[in-house]
């Protein structure tokens, strides 16, 4: 929180980019999401 807002946004953008790459490569979470949706019905 001591960093300027612009610097925090840059860091968050980099982290979000890394997570996007991770989730695009990892398909297991998509299968889990499908099962969750079936359970809700």
Protein backbone atom coordinates (compact mmCIF):
# COMPACT_ATOMS: atom_id res chain seq x y z
CA UNK A 1 0.00 0.00 0.00
CA UNK A 2 3.00 2.27 0.32
CA UNK A 3 3.58 2.16 -3.43
CA UNK A 4 1.97 4.72 -5.70
CA UNK A 5 -1.30 3.61 -7.30
CA UNK A 6 0.23 3.39 -10.79
CA UNK A 7 3.01 1.10 -9.54
CA UNK A 8 0.51 -1.18 -7.79
CA UNK A 9 -1.54 -1.40 -10.99
CA UNK A 10 1.55 -2.42 -12.97
CA UNK A 11 2.35 -5.17 -10.46
CA UNK A 12 -1.25 -6.45 -10.46
CA UNK A 13 -1.32 -6.45 -14.27
CA UNK A 14 1.85 -8.58 -14.39
CA UNK A 15 0.43 -11.00 -11.83
CA UNK A 16 -2.87 -11.26 -13.72
CA UNK A 17 -0.99 -12.00 -16.93
CA UNK A 18 0.93 -14.84 -15.26
CA UNK A 19 -2.27 -16.32 -13.83
CA UNK A 20 -3.98 -16.12 -17.23
CA UNK A 21 -1.14 -18.13 -18.77
CA UNK A 22 -1.35 -20.66 -15.95
CA UNK A 23 -5.10 -21.18 -16.26
CA UNK A 24 -4.98 -21.39 -20.04
CA UNK A 25 -2.42 -24.20 -19.78
CA UNK A 26 -4.11 -25.99 -16.88
CA UNK A 27 -7.37 -27.65 -17.94
CA UNK A 28 -8.28 -29.30 -14.64
CA UNK A 29 -10.04 -26.20 -13.28
CA UNK A 30 -12.37 -26.19 -16.30
CA UNK A 31 -13.47 -29.74 -15.50
CA UNK A 32 -14.08 -28.79 -11.88
CA UNK A 33 -16.14 -25.80 -12.92
CA UNK A 34 -18.34 -28.02 -15.06
CA UNK A 35 -19.00 -30.38 -12.15
CA UNK A 36 -19.86 -27.44 -9.88
CA UNK A 37 -22.43 -26.23 -12.38
CA UNK A 38 -23.99 -29.69 -12.56
CA UNK A 39 -24.25 -29.86 -8.77
CA UNK A 40 -26.14 -26.56 -8.67
CA UNK A 41 -28.92 -27.78 -10.98
